[in-house]
Amino acid sequence: MGDCARSQNRPLWVCDRLAKELHSVPDQDSWTARERLTLVAKVEKLSGYIGACERIHQTVVPLNYARHALRSLTMWLLSLPFALVKDTKLMTGPILFVISWMLFGVRI
């Protein structure tokens, strides 16, 4: 676990470790080379998916998109009490506070 914690990219370290473990298992009647190659191919595919997710995660959100999303969220939260007050009565304030805190806490 210490090696994983020290690695710069933990998901890829785990994929690499999985591939090494798959290569280290000896051939047996219950473990064939075809099964090994299938699992190694799946680990390589997983590694590619991790790379794609990291590229998405590192993509900068355009400023116009962030502003538009914030304005839309503000308008939705301003209209939310009118929809909630009929059902939640006095709890509308605390519910709206919690929802606003959760949604505005997400960094776009």
Protein backbone atom coordinates (compact mmCIF):
# COMPACT_ATOMS: atom_id res chain seq x y z
CA MET A 1 0.00 0.00 0.00
CA GLY A 2 2.90 2.35 0.62
CA ASP A 3 4.05 2.06 -2.99
CA CYS A 4 0.55 2.95 -4.18
CA ALA A 5 0.40 5.97 -1.84
CA ARG A 6 3.78 7.21 -3.11
CA SER A 7 2.96 6.82 -6.79
CA GLN A 8 2.07 9.92 -8.78
CA ASN A 9 -0.85 8.25 -10.52
CA ARG A 10 -2.53 5.69 -8.26
CA PRO A 11 -5.10 4.29 -10.72
CA LEU A 12 -2.42 3.59 -13.31
CA TRP A 13 -0.17 2.10 -10.63
CA VAL A 14 -2.98 -0.31 -9.73
CA CYS A 15 -3.43 -1.25 -13.42
CA ASP A 16 0.29 -1.85 -13.75
CA ARG A 17 0.28 -3.98 -10.61
CA LEU A 18 -2.69 -5.99 -11.91
CA ALA A 19 -0.88 -6.68 -15.17
CA LYS A 20 2.27 -7.78 -13.31
CA GLU A 21 0.23 -10.12 -11.12
CA LEU A 22 -1.47 -11.61 -14.17
CA HIS A 23 1.90 -12.25 -15.81
CA SER A 24 3.31 -13.85 -12.66
CA VAL A 25 0.62 -16.54 -12.36
CA PRO A 26 2.01 -19.84 -13.73
CA ASP A 27 0.14 -21.83 -16.38
CA GLN A 28 -2.14 -24.49 -14.93
CA ASP A 29 -5.09 -26.59 -16.03
CA SER A 30 -7.43 -23.99 -14.51
CA TRP A 31 -5.45 -20.97 -15.81
CA THR A 32 -4.60 -20.88 -19.50
CA ALA A 33 -2.64 -18.40 -21.58
CA ARG A 34 -5.84 -17.39 -23.37
CA GLU A 35 -7.45 -16.38 -20.07
CA ARG A 36 -4.31 -14.47 -19.10
CA LEU A 37 -4.26 -12.57 -22.41
CA THR A 38 -7.97 -11.76 -22.09
CA LEU A 39 -7.49 -10.33 -18.60
CA VAL A 40 -4.35 -8.39 -19.61
CA ALA A 41 -6.31 -6.90 -22.53
CA LYS A 42 -9.05 -5.83 -20.11
CA VAL A 43 -6.48 -4.24 -17.80
CA GLU A 44 -5.00 -2.35 -20.78
CA LYS A 45 -8.48 -1.19 -21.74
CA LEU A 46 -9.07 -0.04 -18.16
CA SER A 47 -5.79 1.86 -18.28
CA GLY A 48 -6.94 3.63 -21.45
CA TYR A 49 -10.25 4.54 -19.82
CA ILE A 50 -8.42 5.96 -16.81
CA GLY A 51 -6.33 8.13 -19.14
CA ALA A 52 -9.47 9.37 -20.90
CA CYS A 53 -11.09 10.24 -17.56
CA GLU A 54 -7.99 12.12 -16.47
CA ARG A 55 -7.99 14.13 -19.71
CA ILE A 56 -11.63 15.07 -19.08
CA HIS A 57 -10.86 15.96 -15.47
CA GLN A 58 -7.95 18.23 -16.47
CA THR A 59 -9.94 20.07 -19.14
CA VAL A 60 -10.57 23.67 -18.13
CA VAL A 61 -14.23 24.73 -18.00
CA PRO A 62 -14.77 27.80 -20.22
CA LEU A 63 -15.56 30.96 -18.27
CA ASN A 64 -18.78 31.60 -20.20
CA TYR A 65 -20.03 28.13 -19.36
CA ALA A 66 -19.24 28.61 -15.67
CA ARG A 67 -21.04 31.96 -15.58
CA HIS A 68 -24.07 30.60 -17.41
CA ALA A 69 -24.25 27.59 -15.08
CA LEU A 70 -24.01 29.84 -12.01
CA ARG A 71 -26.76 32.15 -13.29
CA SER A 72 -29.02 29.20 -14.11
CA LEU A 73 -28.43 27.69 -10.69
CA THR A 74 -29.20 31.03 -9.02
CA MET A 75 -32.48 31.40 -10.93
CA TRP A 76 -33.47 27.84 -10.08
CA LEU A 77 -32.71 28.34 -6.39
CA LEU A 78 -34.65 31.63 -6.33
CA SER A 79 -37.73 29.89 -7.72
CA LEU A 80 -37.38 26.75 -5.57
CA PRO A 81 -39.04 28.18 -2.42
CA PHE A 82 -42.26 28.79 -4.33
CA ALA A 83 -42.40 25.12 -5.26
CA LEU A 84 -41.44 23.86 -1.80
CA VAL A 85 -43.50 26.08 0.50
CA LYS A 86 -46.77 24.25 -0.20
CA ASP A 87 -45.38 20.90 0.97
CA THR A 88 -42.67 21.81 3.49
CA LYS A 89 -44.17 24.95 5.14
CA LEU A 90 -41.70 26.21 7.80
CA MET A 91 -39.00 23.78 6.76
CA THR A 92 -38.64 25.59 3.41
CA GLY A 93 -35.90 27.88 4.78
CA PRO A 94 -33.64 25.18 6.22
CA ILE A 95 -34.18 22.91 3.21
CA LEU A 96 -33.34 25.72 0.82
CA PHE A 97 -30.26 26.59 2.88
CA VAL A 98 -28.95 23.02 2.73
CA ILE A 99 -29.67 22.66 -1.01
CA SER A 100 -28.02 26.02 -1.74
CA TRP A 101 -25.00 25.15 0.38
CA MET A 102 -24.57 21.83 -1.41
CA LEU A 103 -25.01 23.20 -4.94
CA PHE A 104 -23.00 26.39 -4.54
CA GLY A 105 -20.26 24.41 -2.82
CA VAL A 106 -19.58 22.49 -6.04
CA ARG A 107 -16.81 24.24 -7.91
CA ILE A 108 -17.43 24.49 -11.63
